[in-house]
Amino acid sequence: MVRNQVALLCTALLLWSSSASANGACQVAAAPPQGVKEQFTQIPAGSVVEVKLADKHKIRGRLGSITDSGFDLQFTKAGKIVTDTLAFDNVRSVKVVGQGWSTGKKIVVGTLIGAAAIFIIGLIACLAGGCGPMVR
C-alpha cells in the first residue's frame, strides 16, 4: 500500500514539474528594448554582433564604443580588419551572435534530465519493495 502511494506521489511530482517547464513558468521574460539604439546599449562592448543595414547588407563584427549618433564596429573587409563607425539611422536590426544554447543542446539536456528523473523514481520504487517477485 505504501509503495503504491510513493509511486503515485513520484509520478504526480514528475508530471507537475514537466508541465511547469513546458509552459514556460520557470522563465522570466524581460521586456525587449524598443529602438535600435536601446538594443545597442543592452549589448556589452566587445560582443560579436550581426548588424542588418537599411540597404539590406549584413555585417558581422565586434561591437566597439557607442555614441549618441552611432557605434563602432570592427569587422573584416578584403582580408583586413577594419573599424568603421555606423549611424543608428542606417541600421535595421542587430543580433548578438553565439549567445545562449542551441536547440539541439537544449533537447539533449532536457532528455537527460527527464531520463535521470525517471531512473530515480524507479530506483525509489524498487527500494520500497516494488521490484521483487510478487508473492501472493
C-alpha atoms as a PDB file:
ATOM      1  CA  MET A   1       0.000   0.000   0.000  1.00  0.00           C
ATOM      2  CA  VAL A   2       2.776   2.431   0.945  1.00  0.00           C
ATOM      3  CA  ARG A   3       4.815   1.737  -2.183  1.00  0.00           C
ATOM      4  CA  ASN A   4       1.759   2.459  -4.377  1.00  0.00           C
ATOM      5  CA  GLN A   5       1.330   5.799  -2.634  1.00  0.00           C
ATOM      6  CA  VAL A   6       5.040   6.623  -3.035  1.00  0.00           C
ATOM      7  CA  ALA A   7       4.941   5.684  -6.721  1.00  0.00           C
ATOM      8  CA  LEU A   8       1.794   7.771  -7.245  1.00  0.00           C
ATOM      9  CA  LEU A   9       3.369  10.750  -5.458  1.00  0.00           C
ATOM     10  CA  CYS A  10       6.577  10.493  -7.518  1.00  0.00           C
ATOM     11  CA  THR A  11       4.569  10.277 -10.751  1.00  0.00           C
ATOM     12  CA  ALA A  12       2.496  13.318  -9.807  1.00  0.00           C
ATOM     13  CA  LEU A  13       5.633  15.316  -8.963  1.00  0.00           C
ATOM     14  CA  LEU A  14       7.252  14.338 -12.260  1.00  0.00           C
ATOM     15  CA  LEU A  15       4.190  15.335 -14.280  1.00  0.00           C
ATOM     16  CA  TRP A  16       3.838  18.612 -12.385  1.00  0.00           C
ATOM     17  CA  SER A  17       7.489  19.591 -12.893  1.00  0.00           C
ATOM     18  CA  SER A  18       7.462  18.691 -16.587  1.00  0.00           C
ATOM     19  CA  SER A  19       4.268  20.662 -17.247  1.00  0.00           C
ATOM     20  CA  ALA A  20       5.609  23.710 -15.393  1.00  0.00           C
ATOM     21  CA  SER A  21       8.769  23.818 -17.505  1.00  0.00           C
ATOM     22  CA  ALA A  22       6.847  23.135 -20.733  1.00  0.00           C
ATOM     23  CA  ASN A  23       4.530  26.067 -20.081  1.00  0.00           C
ATOM     24  CA  GLY A  24       7.464  28.403 -19.550  1.00  0.00           C
ATOM     25  CA  ALA A  25       6.525  29.053 -15.929  1.00  0.00           C
ATOM     26  CA  CYS A  26      10.190  28.793 -14.980  1.00  0.00           C
ATOM     27  CA  GLN A  27      11.278  31.526 -17.361  1.00  0.00           C
ATOM     28  CA  VAL A  28      11.276  35.213 -16.553  1.00  0.00           C
ATOM     29  CA  ALA A  29      10.580  37.316 -19.625  1.00  0.00           C
ATOM     30  CA  ALA A  30      12.176  40.720 -19.841  1.00  0.00           C
ATOM     31  CA  ALA A  31      10.689  43.455 -21.984  1.00  0.00           C
ATOM     32  CA  PRO A  32      12.664  43.775 -25.235  1.00  0.00           C
ATOM     33  CA  PRO A  33      14.272  47.135 -25.954  1.00  0.00           C
ATOM     34  CA  GLN A  34      12.209  49.392 -28.220  1.00  0.00           C
ATOM     35  CA  GLY A  35      14.644  51.038 -30.649  1.00  0.00           C
ATOM     36  CA  VAL A  36      17.910  50.130 -32.294  1.00  0.00           C
ATOM     37  CA  LYS A  37      19.862  52.495 -30.061  1.00  0.00           C
ATOM     38  CA  GLU A  38      18.347  50.927 -26.935  1.00  0.00           C
ATOM     39  CA  GLN A  39      19.251  47.473 -28.260  1.00  0.00           C
ATOM     40  CA  PHE A  40      22.871  48.529 -28.674  1.00  0.00           C
ATOM     41  CA  THR A  41      23.005  49.918 -25.131  1.00  0.00           C
ATOM     42  CA  GLN A  42      21.951  46.478 -23.846  1.00  0.00           C
ATOM     43  CA  ILE A  43      24.840  44.707 -25.640  1.00  0.00           C
ATOM     44  CA  PRO A  44      28.244  44.792 -23.903  1.00  0.00           C
ATOM     45  CA  ALA A  45      31.176  46.236 -25.823  1.00  0.00           C
ATOM     46  CA  GLY A  46      33.331  43.542 -27.397  1.00  0.00           C
ATOM     47  CA  SER A  47      30.392  41.256 -28.213  1.00  0.00           C
ATOM     48  CA  VAL A  48      30.179  39.684 -31.654  1.00  0.00           C
ATOM     49  CA  VAL A  49      27.076  41.039 -33.402  1.00  0.00           C
ATOM     50  CA  GLU A  50      25.345  40.753 -36.755  1.00  0.00           C
ATOM     51  CA  VAL A  51      24.049  44.099 -37.998  1.00  0.00           C
ATOM     52  CA  LYS A  52      21.434  44.343 -40.759  1.00  0.00           C
ATOM     53  CA  LEU A  53      21.694  47.663 -42.526  1.00  0.00           C
ATOM     54  CA  ALA A  54      18.916  49.646 -44.202  1.00  0.00           C
ATOM     55  CA  ASP A  55      20.355  48.743 -47.633  1.00  0.00           C
ATOM     56  CA  LYS A  56      19.837  45.020 -46.753  1.00  0.00           C
ATOM     57  CA  HIS A  57      23.544  44.267 -46.228  1.00  0.00           C
ATOM     58  CA  LYS A  58      24.650  42.211 -43.236  1.00  0.00           C
ATOM     59  CA  ILE A  59      27.861  42.901 -41.356  1.00  0.00           C
ATOM     60  CA  ARG A  60      29.193  40.586 -38.680  1.00  0.00           C
ATOM     61  CA  GLY A  61      31.798  42.032 -36.358  1.00  0.00           C
ATOM     62  CA  ARG A  62      32.827  43.048 -32.863  1.00  0.00           C
ATOM     63  CA  LEU A  63      30.977  45.927 -31.204  1.00  0.00           C
ATOM     64  CA  GLY A  64      33.120  48.847 -30.088  1.00  0.00           C
ATOM     65  CA  SER A  65      32.203  52.107 -28.413  1.00  0.00           C
ATOM     66  CA  ILE A  66      28.693  53.542 -28.628  1.00  0.00           C
ATOM     67  CA  THR A  67      27.958  57.264 -29.036  1.00  0.00           C
ATOM     68  CA  ASP A  68      24.713  59.234 -29.290  1.00  0.00           C
ATOM     69  CA  SER A  69      24.659  59.056 -33.085  1.00  0.00           C
ATOM     70  CA  GLY A  70      26.229  55.665 -33.814  1.00  0.00           C
ATOM     71  CA  PHE A  71      28.646  52.908 -32.853  1.00  0.00           C
ATOM     72  CA  ASP A  72      31.987  51.448 -33.848  1.00  0.00           C
ATOM     73  CA  LEU A  73      32.069  48.025 -35.467  1.00  0.00           C
ATOM     74  CA  GLN A  74      35.246  46.066 -36.118  1.00  0.00           C
ATOM     75  CA  PHE A  75      34.954  43.584 -38.999  1.00  0.00           C
ATOM     76  CA  THR A  76      36.993  42.042 -41.821  1.00  0.00           C
ATOM     77  CA  LYS A  77      36.885  43.562 -45.295  1.00  0.00           C
ATOM     78  CA  ALA A  78      39.018  42.201 -48.143  1.00  0.00           C
ATOM     79  CA  GLY A  79      41.111  40.202 -45.692  1.00  0.00           C
ATOM     80  CA  LYS A  80      41.886  43.179 -43.449  1.00  0.00           C
ATOM     81  CA  ILE A  81      40.433  44.145 -40.098  1.00  0.00           C
ATOM     82  CA  VAL A  82      38.562  47.438 -40.417  1.00  0.00           C
ATOM     83  CA  THR A  83      36.902  49.584 -37.750  1.00  0.00           C
ATOM     84  CA  ASP A  84      34.010  51.638 -39.075  1.00  0.00           C
ATOM     85  CA  THR A  85      31.574  53.998 -37.388  1.00  0.00           C
ATOM     86  CA  LEU A  86      27.977  53.288 -38.349  1.00  0.00           C
ATOM     87  CA  ALA A  87      24.991  55.563 -37.692  1.00  0.00           C
ATOM     88  CA  PHE A  88      21.922  54.219 -35.908  1.00  0.00           C
ATOM     89  CA  ASP A  89      19.782  55.608 -38.763  1.00  0.00           C
ATOM     90  CA  ASN A  90      21.404  53.162 -41.211  1.00  0.00           C
ATOM     91  CA  VAL A  91      20.730  50.090 -39.037  1.00  0.00           C
ATOM     92  CA  ARG A  92      17.598  47.994 -39.367  1.00  0.00           C
ATOM     93  CA  SER A  93      18.374  45.392 -36.669  1.00  0.00           C
ATOM     94  CA  VAL A  94      21.131  43.943 -34.513  1.00  0.00           C
ATOM     95  CA  LYS A  95      21.604  40.449 -33.100  1.00  0.00           C
ATOM     96  CA  VAL A  96      24.215  39.037 -30.733  1.00  0.00           C
ATOM     97  CA  VAL A  97      25.901  36.034 -32.355  1.00  0.00           C
ATOM     98  CA  GLY A  98      26.645  32.847 -30.439  1.00  0.00           C
ATOM     99  CA  GLN A  99      24.725  33.724 -27.292  1.00  0.00           C
ATOM    100  CA  GLY A 100      22.917  31.007 -25.368  1.00  0.00           C
ATOM    101  CA  TRP A 101      22.413  27.310 -26.008  1.00  0.00           C
ATOM    102  CA  SER A 102      21.498  25.824 -29.357  1.00  0.00           C
ATOM    103  CA  THR A 103      18.191  23.981 -29.761  1.00  0.00           C
ATOM    104  CA  GLY A 104      19.941  20.622 -30.031  1.00  0.00           C
ATOM    105  CA  LYS A 105      21.814  21.183 -26.786  1.00  0.00           C
ATOM    106  CA  LYS A 106      18.579  22.123 -25.014  1.00  0.00           C
ATOM    107  CA  ILE A 107      16.888  18.936 -26.260  1.00  0.00           C
ATOM    108  CA  VAL A 108      19.775  16.721 -25.140  1.00  0.00           C
ATOM    109  CA  VAL A 109      19.963  18.292 -21.675  1.00  0.00           C
ATOM    110  CA  GLY A 110      16.173  18.098 -21.230  1.00  0.00           C
ATOM    111  CA  THR A 111      16.137  14.451 -22.290  1.00  0.00           C
ATOM    112  CA  LEU A 112      18.958  13.584 -19.890  1.00  0.00           C
ATOM    113  CA  ILE A 113      17.212  15.353 -17.003  1.00  0.00           C
ATOM    114  CA  GLY A 114      13.952  13.517 -17.778  1.00  0.00           C
ATOM    115  CA  ALA A 115      15.722  10.152 -18.006  1.00  0.00           C
ATOM    116  CA  ALA A 116      17.505  10.790 -14.711  1.00  0.00           C
ATOM    117  CA  ALA A 117      14.205  11.698 -13.023  1.00  0.00           C
ATOM    118  CA  ILE A 118      12.527   8.517 -14.298  1.00  0.00           C
ATOM    119  CA  PHE A 119      15.538   6.440 -13.190  1.00  0.00           C
ATOM    120  CA  ILE A 120      15.457   7.945  -9.682  1.00  0.00           C
ATOM    121  CA  ILE A 121      11.707   7.358  -9.357  1.00  0.00           C
ATOM    122  CA  GLY A 122      12.158   3.760 -10.478  1.00  0.00           C
ATOM    123  CA  LEU A 123      15.019   3.277  -8.030  1.00  0.00           C
ATOM    124  CA  ILE A 124      12.926   4.634  -5.156  1.00  0.00           C
ATOM    125  CA  ALA A 125      10.044   2.328  -6.137  1.00  0.00           C
ATOM    126  CA  CYS A 126      12.420  -0.667  -6.254  1.00  0.00           C
ATOM    127  CA  LEU A 127      13.937   0.160  -2.886  1.00  0.00           C
ATOM    128  CA  ALA A 128      10.456   0.408  -1.433  1.00  0.00           C
ATOM    129  CA  GLY A 129       9.971  -3.240  -2.443  1.00  0.00           C
ATOM    130  CA  GLY A 130       8.272  -2.896  -5.783  1.00  0.00           C
ATOM    131  CA  CYS A 131      10.822  -4.647  -7.999  1.00  0.00           C
ATOM    132  CA  GLY A 132      10.971  -8.092  -6.430  1.00  0.00           C
ATOM    133  CA  PRO A 133       8.857 -11.091  -7.408  1.00  0.00           C
ATOM    134  CA  MET A 134       5.222 -10.790  -6.452  1.00  0.00           C
ATOM    135  CA  VAL A 135       4.340 -13.318  -3.785  1.00  0.00           C
ATOM    136  CA  ARG A 136       0.675 -13.930  -3.052  1.00  0.00           C
END
